[in-house]
């Protein structure tokens, strides 16, 4: 996806996720205002009115979870960025991505928020989601000249209304960067270590590609 630019297969789940993200982006702008908190298009509609406009029940469920979360409280925010495109530079390689929301806090710290159209499970740690946050934090450290102690992540699982805050030590970010660099170099040399597990088919959009190569 990020090295060869192979797009994810179009699925109903992917389309739903895109709709959820667009709704959340719009609601955040309406509730917060523009980057500096000024009214957005002069509107400020209530939660009931927002939900009334959504006809798709599954979409409505996720949006209701967002409306009931703590992420519509802006008292500690100086300004925020939504659906922010970023370039993650690693030893001459550039990886592009998009951050759902980035809060520039009044205390000088940065909070990076990632919305997940899935459930949080205590029993099943999602390494992929944590790694996403690590990449965002690594990129933000470079762009804003911050240390890892000044940037932390928040995962909002819209499936079961669970907010998880995560922070990482500098060595954890460095280890992740080294891992990604190693993977990039192997990909560029056409070396594919497809260590497939039973969860691959459920979790990865590229399962069929790996299965074919094996």
C-alpha atoms as a PDB file:
ATOM      1  CA  UNK A   1       0.000   0.000   0.000  1.00  0.00           C
ATOM      2  CA  UNK A   2       2.661   2.534   0.998  1.00  0.00           C
ATOM      3  CA  UNK A   3       5.694   1.366  -1.002  1.00  0.00           C
ATOM      4  CA  UNK A   4       4.176  -0.004  -4.222  1.00  0.00           C
ATOM      5  CA  UNK A   5       1.045   2.208  -3.955  1.00  0.00           C
ATOM      6  CA  UNK A   6      -1.263  -0.780  -4.368  1.00  0.00           C
ATOM      7  CA  UNK A   7      -4.720   0.450  -3.284  1.00  0.00           C
ATOM      8  CA  UNK A   8      -6.853  -1.495  -0.852  1.00  0.00           C
ATOM      9  CA  UNK A   9      -9.654  -3.530  -2.466  1.00  0.00           C
ATOM     10  CA  UNK A  10     -12.938  -1.613  -2.483  1.00  0.00           C
ATOM     11  CA  UNK A  11     -15.255  -3.192   0.098  1.00  0.00           C
ATOM     12  CA  UNK A  12     -18.465  -2.219   1.851  1.00  0.00           C
ATOM     13  CA  UNK A  13     -16.492  -1.951   5.093  1.00  0.00           C
ATOM     14  CA  UNK A  14     -13.981   0.418   3.533  1.00  0.00           C
ATOM     15  CA  UNK A  15     -16.749   2.594   2.079  1.00  0.00           C
ATOM     16  CA  UNK A  16     -18.494   2.690   5.459  1.00  0.00           C
ATOM     17  CA  UNK A  17     -15.245   3.756   7.128  1.00  0.00           C
ATOM     18  CA  UNK A  18     -14.833   6.600   4.643  1.00  0.00           C
ATOM     19  CA  UNK A  19     -18.384   7.810   5.308  1.00  0.00           C
ATOM     20  CA  UNK A  20     -17.832   7.657   9.072  1.00  0.00           C
ATOM     21  CA  UNK A  21     -14.641   9.702   8.783  1.00  0.00           C
ATOM     22  CA  UNK A  22     -16.295  12.327   6.576  1.00  0.00           C
ATOM     23  CA  UNK A  23     -19.207  12.690   9.004  1.00  0.00           C
ATOM     24  CA  UNK A  24     -16.862  13.019  11.984  1.00  0.00           C
ATOM     25  CA  UNK A  25     -14.773  15.612  10.152  1.00  0.00           C
ATOM     26  CA  UNK A  26     -17.871  17.694   9.378  1.00  0.00           C
ATOM     27  CA  UNK A  27     -19.292  17.384  12.899  1.00  0.00           C
ATOM     28  CA  UNK A  28     -15.963  18.415  14.429  1.00  0.00           C
ATOM     29  CA  UNK A  29     -15.834  21.520  12.214  1.00  0.00           C
ATOM     30  CA  UNK A  30     -19.416  22.416  13.119  1.00  0.00           C
ATOM     31  CA  UNK A  31     -18.838  21.918  16.848  1.00  0.00           C
ATOM     32  CA  UNK A  32     -15.342  23.371  17.084  1.00  0.00           C
ATOM     33  CA  UNK A  33     -15.320  25.911  14.261  1.00  0.00           C
ATOM     34  CA  UNK A  34     -12.325  26.536  12.053  1.00  0.00           C
ATOM     35  CA  UNK A  35      -8.701  25.840  13.006  1.00  0.00           C
ATOM     36  CA  UNK A  36      -8.731  28.608  15.598  1.00  0.00           C
ATOM     37  CA  UNK A  37     -12.238  27.923  16.898  1.00  0.00           C
ATOM     38  CA  UNK A  38     -14.176  30.552  14.923  1.00  0.00           C
ATOM     39  CA  UNK A  39     -17.730  29.556  13.878  1.00  0.00           C
ATOM     40  CA  UNK A  40     -17.886  27.258  10.849  1.00  0.00           C
ATOM     41  CA  UNK A  41     -20.396  28.554   8.277  1.00  0.00           C
ATOM     42  CA  UNK A  42     -22.296  30.148  11.142  1.00  0.00           C
ATOM     43  CA  UNK A  43     -23.734  26.789  12.197  1.00  0.00           C
ATOM     44  CA  UNK A  44     -23.970  25.043  15.541  1.00  0.00           C
ATOM     45  CA  UNK A  45     -26.461  22.197  15.399  1.00  0.00           C
ATOM     46  CA  UNK A  46     -27.303  19.828  18.229  1.00  0.00           C
ATOM     47  CA  UNK A  47     -26.609  16.106  18.518  1.00  0.00           C
ATOM     48  CA  UNK A  48     -30.241  15.114  17.969  1.00  0.00           C
ATOM     49  CA  UNK A  49     -30.428  17.145  14.774  1.00  0.00           C
ATOM     50  CA  UNK A  50     -27.214  15.557  13.498  1.00  0.00           C
ATOM     51  CA  UNK A  51     -28.452  12.013  14.162  1.00  0.00           C
ATOM     52  CA  UNK A  52     -31.853  12.791  12.655  1.00  0.00           C
ATOM     53  CA  UNK A  53     -30.197  13.628   9.337  1.00  0.00           C
ATOM     54  CA  UNK A  54     -28.419  10.237   9.173  1.00  0.00           C
ATOM     55  CA  UNK A  55     -30.655   7.559   7.664  1.00  0.00           C
ATOM     56  CA  UNK A  56     -28.185   4.661   7.605  1.00  0.00           C
ATOM     57  CA  UNK A  57     -28.567   2.919  10.983  1.00  0.00           C
ATOM     58  CA  UNK A  58     -25.061   1.441  11.040  1.00  0.00           C
ATOM     59  CA  UNK A  59     -23.507   4.808  10.242  1.00  0.00           C
ATOM     60  CA  UNK A  60     -25.725   6.442  12.861  1.00  0.00           C
ATOM     61  CA  UNK A  61     -24.499   3.995  15.516  1.00  0.00           C
ATOM     62  CA  UNK A  62     -20.859   4.978  14.975  1.00  0.00           C
ATOM     63  CA  UNK A  63     -21.628   8.695  14.846  1.00  0.00           C
ATOM     64  CA  UNK A  64     -23.643   8.482  18.069  1.00  0.00           C
ATOM     65  CA  UNK A  65     -20.625   6.877  19.747  1.00  0.00           C
ATOM     66  CA  UNK A  66     -18.453   9.761  18.567  1.00  0.00           C
ATOM     67  CA  UNK A  67     -20.958  12.358  19.797  1.00  0.00           C
ATOM     68  CA  UNK A  68     -20.924  10.744  23.254  1.00  0.00           C
ATOM     69  CA  UNK A  69     -17.124  10.589  23.446  1.00  0.00           C
ATOM     70  CA  UNK A  70     -14.782  13.045  25.138  1.00  0.00           C
ATOM     71  CA  UNK A  71     -13.413  14.200  21.791  1.00  0.00           C
ATOM     72  CA  UNK A  72     -15.927  17.016  21.412  1.00  0.00           C
ATOM     73  CA  UNK A  73     -14.499  18.759  24.463  1.00  0.00           C
ATOM     74  CA  UNK A  74     -12.149  21.439  23.188  1.00  0.00           C
ATOM     75  CA  UNK A  75     -11.234  23.311  26.375  1.00  0.00           C
ATOM     76  CA  UNK A  76      -7.588  22.134  26.351  1.00  0.00           C
ATOM     77  CA  UNK A  77      -7.019  22.742  22.620  1.00  0.00           C
ATOM     78  CA  UNK A  78      -5.236  25.731  21.078  1.00  0.00           C
ATOM     79  CA  UNK A  79      -6.137  24.638  17.546  1.00  0.00           C
ATOM     80  CA  UNK A  80      -6.636  21.392  15.651  1.00  0.00           C
ATOM     81  CA  UNK A  81      -6.042  19.854  12.229  1.00  0.00           C
ATOM     82  CA  UNK A  82      -8.422  17.424  10.519  1.00  0.00           C
ATOM     83  CA  UNK A  83      -7.643  14.748   7.908  1.00  0.00           C
ATOM     84  CA  UNK A  84      -4.086  16.043   7.795  1.00  0.00           C
ATOM     85  CA  UNK A  85      -1.870  14.709   4.999  1.00  0.00           C
ATOM     86  CA  UNK A  86       1.660  13.985   6.199  1.00  0.00           C
ATOM     87  CA  UNK A  87       4.977  12.821   4.817  1.00  0.00           C
ATOM     88  CA  UNK A  88       6.970  10.464   6.991  1.00  0.00           C
ATOM     89  CA  UNK A  89      10.653  10.705   6.114  1.00  0.00           C
ATOM     90  CA  UNK A  90      12.857   7.732   6.926  1.00  0.00           C
ATOM     91  CA  UNK A  91      16.475   7.778   5.727  1.00  0.00           C
ATOM     92  CA  UNK A  92      15.637   9.137   2.289  1.00  0.00           C
ATOM     93  CA  UNK A  93      12.325   7.299   1.936  1.00  0.00           C
ATOM     94  CA  UNK A  94       9.012   9.155   2.065  1.00  0.00           C
ATOM     95  CA  UNK A  95       5.809   7.466   3.198  1.00  0.00           C
ATOM     96  CA  UNK A  96       2.566   9.395   2.846  1.00  0.00           C
ATOM     97  CA  UNK A  97      -0.467   9.043   5.061  1.00  0.00           C
ATOM     98  CA  UNK A  98      -3.354  10.929   6.590  1.00  0.00           C
ATOM     99  CA  UNK A  99      -3.994  11.663  10.264  1.00  0.00           C
ATOM    100  CA  UNK A 100      -7.669  11.764  11.270  1.00  0.00           C
ATOM    101  CA  UNK A 101      -7.177  14.561  13.777  1.00  0.00           C
ATOM    102  CA  UNK A 102      -4.293  16.318  15.461  1.00  0.00           C
ATOM    103  CA  UNK A 103      -4.876  18.508  18.529  1.00  0.00           C
ATOM    104  CA  UNK A 104      -2.347  21.215  19.344  1.00  0.00           C
ATOM    105  CA  UNK A 105      -2.843  21.519  23.085  1.00  0.00           C
ATOM    106  CA  UNK A 106      -2.486  24.626  25.216  1.00  0.00           C
ATOM    107  CA  UNK A 107       0.289  23.008  27.257  1.00  0.00           C
ATOM    108  CA  UNK A 108       2.444  22.635  24.129  1.00  0.00           C
ATOM    109  CA  UNK A 109       1.824  18.920  23.634  1.00  0.00           C
ATOM    110  CA  UNK A 110       0.254  17.245  20.609  1.00  0.00           C
ATOM    111  CA  UNK A 111      -2.542  14.660  20.703  1.00  0.00           C
ATOM    112  CA  UNK A 112      -2.989  12.483  17.621  1.00  0.00           C
ATOM    113  CA  UNK A 113      -6.429  10.889  17.277  1.00  0.00           C
ATOM    114  CA  UNK A 114      -7.274   7.882  15.118  1.00  0.00           C
ATOM    115  CA  UNK A 115     -10.862   6.675  14.674  1.00  0.00           C
ATOM    116  CA  UNK A 116     -11.477   2.944  14.301  1.00  0.00           C
ATOM    117  CA  UNK A 117     -14.701   1.462  12.923  1.00  0.00           C
ATOM    118  CA  UNK A 118     -14.182  -1.657  15.019  1.00  0.00           C
ATOM    119  CA  UNK A 119     -14.350  -2.956  18.582  1.00  0.00           C
ATOM    120  CA  UNK A 120     -11.635  -2.764  21.209  1.00  0.00           C
ATOM    121  CA  UNK A 121     -10.712  -6.062  22.819  1.00  0.00           C
ATOM    122  CA  UNK A 122      -8.679  -6.378  26.011  1.00  0.00           C
ATOM    123  CA  UNK A 123      -7.767  -9.960  25.098  1.00  0.00           C
ATOM    124  CA  UNK A 124      -6.535  -9.139  21.617  1.00  0.00           C
ATOM    125  CA  UNK A 125      -3.895  -6.426  21.361  1.00  0.00           C
ATOM    126  CA  UNK A 126      -3.997  -4.697  17.977  1.00  0.00           C
ATOM    127  CA  UNK A 127      -0.366  -4.160  17.010  1.00  0.00           C
ATOM    128  CA  UNK A 128      -1.363  -2.687  13.653  1.00  0.00           C
ATOM    129  CA  UNK A 129      -3.246   0.170  15.306  1.00  0.00           C
ATOM    130  CA  UNK A 130      -0.366   0.871  17.674  1.00  0.00           C
ATOM    131  CA  UNK A 131       2.089   0.864  14.787  1.00  0.00           C
ATOM    132  CA  UNK A 132      -0.052   3.386  12.939  1.00  0.00           C
ATOM    133  CA  UNK A 133       0.204   5.725  15.907  1.00  0.00           C
ATOM    134  CA  UNK A 134       3.957   5.178  16.076  1.00  0.00           C
ATOM    135  CA  UNK A 135       4.309   6.255  12.448  1.00  0.00           C
ATOM    136  CA  UNK A 136       2.190   9.366  13.074  1.00  0.00           C
ATOM    137  CA  UNK A 137       4.172  10.259  16.186  1.00  0.00           C
ATOM    138  CA  UNK A 138       7.508   9.712  14.439  1.00  0.00           C
ATOM    139  CA  UNK A 139       6.412  12.006  11.611  1.00  0.00           C
ATOM    140  CA  UNK A 140       5.059  14.671  13.984  1.00  0.00           C
ATOM    141  CA  UNK A 141       8.293  14.642  16.000  1.00  0.00           C
ATOM    142  CA  UNK A 142      10.226  15.414  12.814  1.00  0.00           C
ATOM    143  CA  UNK A 143       7.832  18.072  11.502  1.00  0.00           C
ATOM    144  CA  UNK A 144       7.215  19.933  14.769  1.00  0.00           C
ATOM    145  CA  UNK A 145      10.649  19.331  16.313  1.00  0.00           C
ATOM    146  CA  UNK A 146       9.125  17.703  19.390  1.00  0.00           C
ATOM    147  CA  UNK A 147      10.287  14.848  21.575  1.00  0.00           C
ATOM    148  CA  UNK A 148       8.200  11.692  21.886  1.00  0.00           C
ATOM    149  CA  UNK A 149       7.280  12.700  25.437  1.00  0.00           C
ATOM    150  CA  UNK A 150       5.397  15.707  24.005  1.00  0.00           C
ATOM    151  CA  UNK A 151       3.234  13.700  21.595  1.00  0.00           C
ATOM    152  CA  UNK A 152       0.745  10.959  22.412  1.00  0.00           C
ATOM    153  CA  UNK A 153      -1.969   9.073  20.595  1.00  0.00           C
ATOM    154  CA  UNK A 154      -5.630   8.342  21.170  1.00  0.00           C
ATOM    155  CA  UNK A 155      -7.567   5.495  19.549  1.00  0.00           C
ATOM    156  CA  UNK A 156     -11.357   5.812  19.555  1.00  0.00           C
ATOM    157  CA  UNK A 157     -13.007   2.459  18.859  1.00  0.00           C
ATOM    158  CA  UNK A 158     -16.435   3.408  17.543  1.00  0.00           C
ATOM    159  CA  UNK A 159     -17.734  -0.159  17.673  1.00  0.00           C
ATOM    160  CA  UNK A 160     -17.864  -0.360  21.466  1.00  0.00           C
ATOM    161  CA  UNK A 161     -17.124   3.219  22.555  1.00  0.00           C
ATOM    162  CA  UNK A 162     -13.634   2.688  23.947  1.00  0.00           C
ATOM    163  CA  UNK A 163     -11.029   5.455  24.106  1.00  0.00           C
ATOM    164  CA  UNK A 164      -7.423   4.317  24.497  1.00  0.00           C
ATOM    165  CA  UNK A 165      -4.570   6.753  25.099  1.00  0.00           C
ATOM    166  CA  UNK A 166      -1.090   5.571  24.157  1.00  0.00           C
ATOM    167  CA  UNK A 167       2.325   7.128  24.578  1.00  0.00           C
ATOM    168  CA  UNK A 168       5.638   5.656  23.511  1.00  0.00           C
ATOM    169  CA  UNK A 169       9.200   5.993  24.694  1.00  0.00           C
ATOM    170  CA  UNK A 170      11.872   7.280  22.342  1.00  0.00           C
ATOM    171  CA  UNK A 171      13.468   3.833  22.039  1.00  0.00           C
ATOM    172  CA  UNK A 172      10.118   2.292  21.035  1.00  0.00           C
ATOM    173  CA  UNK A 173       9.783   4.770  18.170  1.00  0.00           C
ATOM    174  CA  UNK A 174      13.398   4.173  17.099  1.00  0.00           C
ATOM    175  CA  UNK A 175      12.865   0.402  17.097  1.00  0.00           C
ATOM    176  CA  UNK A 176       9.740   0.809  14.984  1.00  0.00           C
ATOM    177  CA  UNK A 177      11.539   3.093  12.518  1.00  0.00           C
ATOM    178  CA  UNK A 178      14.320   0.508  12.150  1.00  0.00           C
ATOM    179  CA  UNK A 179      11.737  -2.234  11.565  1.00  0.00           C
ATOM    180  CA  UNK A 180       9.970  -0.212   8.862  1.00  0.00           C
ATOM    181  CA  UNK A 181      13.268   0.619   7.147  1.00  0.00           C
ATOM    182  CA  UNK A 182      14.185  -3.064   7.087  1.00  0.00           C
ATOM    183  CA  UNK A 183      10.806  -3.930   5.556  1.00  0.00           C
ATOM    184  CA  UNK A 184      11.158  -1.204   2.897  1.00  0.00           C
ATOM    185  CA  UNK A 185      14.592  -2.475   1.896  1.00  0.00           C
ATOM    186  CA  UNK A 186      13.298  -6.042   1.611  1.00  0.00           C
ATOM    187  CA  UNK A 187      10.328  -4.921  -0.478  1.00  0.00           C
ATOM    188  CA  UNK A 188      12.609  -2.999  -2.841  1.00  0.00           C
ATOM    189  CA  UNK A 189      14.708  -6.168  -3.238  1.00  0.00           C
ATOM    190  CA  UNK A 190      11.572  -8.260  -3.862  1.00  0.00           C
ATOM    191  CA  UNK A 191      12.131 -10.151  -0.623  1.00  0.00           C
ATOM    192  CA  UNK A 192       8.741 -10.919   0.892  1.00  0.00           C
ATOM    193  CA  UNK A 193       8.630 -12.648   4.268  1.00  0.00           C
ATOM    194  CA  UNK A 194       4.980 -13.669   4.323  1.00  0.00           C
ATOM    195  CA  UNK A 195       4.642 -15.025   7.831  1.00  0.00           C
ATOM    196  CA  UNK A 196       0.937 -15.731   7.538  1.00  0.00           C
ATOM    197  CA  UNK A 197      -1.172 -16.464  10.595  1.00  0.00           C
ATOM    198  CA  UNK A 198      -4.784 -17.450  11.140  1.00  0.00           C
ATOM    199  CA  UNK A 199      -5.753 -13.814  11.753  1.00  0.00           C
ATOM    200  CA  UNK A 200      -4.305 -12.534   8.454  1.00  0.00           C
ATOM    201  CA  UNK A 201      -7.437 -13.182   6.415  1.00  0.00           C
ATOM    202  CA  UNK A 202      -9.570 -11.205   8.840  1.00  0.00           C
ATOM    203  CA  UNK A 203      -7.200  -8.314   9.504  1.00  0.00           C
ATOM    204  CA  UNK A 204      -5.406  -7.656   6.216  1.00  0.00           C
ATOM    205  CA  UNK A 205      -6.834  -6.374   2.933  1.00  0.00           C
ATOM    206  CA  UNK A 206      -3.869  -7.872   1.094  1.00  0.00           C
ATOM    207  CA  UNK A 207      -4.344 -11.428   2.347  1.00  0.00           C
ATOM    208  CA  UNK A 208      -5.120 -12.815  -1.127  1.00  0.00           C
ATOM    209  CA  UNK A 209      -1.919 -11.299  -2.516  1.00  0.00           C
ATOM    210  CA  UNK A 210       0.236 -12.941   0.164  1.00  0.00           C
ATOM    211  CA  UNK A 211      -1.609 -16.239  -0.229  1.00  0.00           C
ATOM    212  CA  UNK A 212      -0.925 -16.150  -3.979  1.00  0.00           C
ATOM    213  CA  UNK A 213       2.789 -15.445  -3.463  1.00  0.00           C
ATOM    214  CA  UNK A 214       3.077 -18.347  -1.053  1.00  0.00           C
END
